[in-house]
Amino acid sequence: MEVSEKVLIFALRKKYVIKTDMEATVTQPLNAAQIELLNSVAHIDSEEDLRELKHALSMFFAKLADRELDRLWDEGVINDEVIEGWAHEHMRTPYHPQM
């Protein structure tokens, strides 16, 4: 068993998140979703499976974002005017060439 596997097993048993690089320890208990994900990813054994998992997680979080945007729209926090304003925002870091 590799060190990272031992750390993960310890983390699951203690229900704590522990960095596998062993530099720091976070002593917050894992929530149910974190435990479920850790148990699920233990069965990922190929790059293809990992890609599929990443895609599924991306779709899940996209759905959450979409739901939140719908809520903000329904509450009047965002509207067509706000979205149009976003199109004209310039949030880039200014570039100042060295002379």
Protein backbone atom coordinates (compact mmCIF):
# COMPACT_ATOMS: atom_id res chain seq x y z
CA MET A 1 0.00 0.00 0.00
CA GLU A 2 1.37 3.41 -0.96
CA VAL A 3 1.74 6.26 1.53
CA SER A 4 -1.05 8.28 -0.11
CA GLU A 5 -3.40 5.29 0.21
CA LYS A 6 -2.57 5.00 3.91
CA VAL A 7 -3.23 8.70 4.39
CA LEU A 8 -6.56 8.43 2.59
CA ILE A 9 -7.62 5.44 4.69
CA PHE A 10 -6.64 7.30 7.86
CA ALA A 11 -8.56 10.35 6.68
CA LEU A 12 -11.65 8.27 5.99
CA ARG A 13 -11.48 6.51 9.35
CA LYS A 14 -10.95 9.72 11.29
CA LYS A 15 -13.27 11.71 9.00
CA TYR A 16 -10.64 14.41 8.63
CA VAL A 17 -9.06 15.93 5.55
CA ILE A 18 -5.32 15.39 5.52
CA LYS A 19 -3.01 16.67 2.80
CA THR A 20 -1.21 13.78 1.21
CA ASP A 21 2.03 15.74 0.99
CA MET A 22 2.09 15.60 4.81
CA GLU A 23 3.00 19.29 5.06
CA ALA A 24 -0.19 20.32 6.81
CA THR A 25 -3.20 18.83 8.48
CA VAL A 26 -6.71 20.26 8.33
CA THR A 27 -8.81 19.11 11.23
CA GLN A 28 -12.26 19.73 9.82
CA PRO A 29 -14.55 16.72 9.75
CA LEU A 30 -15.48 15.53 6.27
CA ASN A 31 -19.11 16.02 5.31
CA ALA A 32 -21.25 13.25 3.83
CA ALA A 33 -20.61 14.37 0.23
CA GLN A 34 -16.83 14.36 0.73
CA ILE A 35 -16.90 10.88 2.24
CA GLU A 36 -19.09 9.60 -0.60
CA LEU A 37 -16.72 11.04 -3.22
CA LEU A 38 -13.65 9.57 -1.53
CA ASN A 39 -15.29 6.16 -1.37
CA SER A 40 -16.35 6.43 -5.03
CA VAL A 41 -13.01 7.54 -6.46
CA ALA A 42 -11.29 4.59 -4.84
CA HIS A 43 -12.74 2.52 -7.70
CA ILE A 44 -11.37 4.73 -10.50
CA ASP A 45 -8.62 2.70 -12.14
CA SER A 46 -8.22 4.09 -15.65
CA GLU A 47 -7.69 7.42 -17.34
CA GLU A 48 -10.97 6.98 -19.21
CA ASP A 49 -12.90 6.48 -15.96
CA LEU A 50 -11.21 9.56 -14.53
CA ARG A 51 -12.18 11.62 -17.60
CA GLU A 52 -15.79 10.44 -17.26
CA LEU A 53 -15.82 11.36 -13.57
CA LYS A 54 -14.42 14.82 -14.30
CA HIS A 55 -17.06 15.32 -16.98
CA ALA A 56 -19.85 14.21 -14.64
CA LEU A 57 -18.60 16.57 -11.92
CA SER A 58 -18.36 19.41 -14.43
CA MET A 59 -21.93 18.82 -15.53
CA PHE A 60 -23.10 18.67 -11.91
CA PHE A 61 -21.48 22.00 -11.03
CA ALA A 62 -22.71 23.59 -14.27
CA LYS A 63 -26.24 22.57 -13.27
CA LEU A 64 -25.74 24.12 -9.81
CA ALA A 65 -24.50 27.36 -11.37
CA ASP A 66 -27.44 27.41 -13.78
CA ARG A 67 -29.87 26.91 -10.90
CA GLU A 68 -28.26 29.76 -8.96
CA LEU A 69 -28.41 32.08 -11.98
CA ASP A 70 -32.10 31.24 -12.39
CA ARG A 71 -32.67 32.09 -8.72
CA LEU A 72 -30.84 35.41 -9.05
CA TRP A 73 -32.86 36.21 -12.19
CA ASP A 74 -36.15 35.35 -10.47
CA GLU A 75 -35.24 37.55 -7.50
CA GLY A 76 -34.35 40.45 -9.79
CA VAL A 77 -30.69 40.54 -8.79
CA ILE A 78 -29.66 40.09 -12.41
CA ASN A 79 -31.54 41.09 -15.54
CA ASP A 80 -30.84 41.96 -19.19
CA GLU A 81 -29.30 45.30 -18.20
CA VAL A 82 -26.87 43.69 -15.75
CA ILE A 83 -25.85 41.06 -18.29
CA GLU A 84 -25.31 43.73 -20.93
CA GLY A 85 -23.09 45.59 -18.45
CA TRP A 86 -20.97 42.45 -18.03
CA ALA A 87 -20.31 42.48 -21.77
CA HIS A 88 -18.65 45.88 -21.45
CA GLU A 89 -16.63 45.28 -18.28
CA HIS A 90 -12.87 45.30 -18.56
CA MET A 91 -11.51 43.27 -15.71
CA ARG A 92 -8.10 42.51 -17.15
CA THR A 93 -4.93 43.51 -15.40
CA PRO A 94 -3.59 46.65 -17.06
CA TYR A 95 -0.54 46.02 -19.19
CA HIS A 96 2.26 48.53 -18.78
CA PRO A 97 5.24 47.67 -20.97
CA GLN A 98 8.64 48.31 -19.45
CA MET A 99 10.49 51.09 -21.20
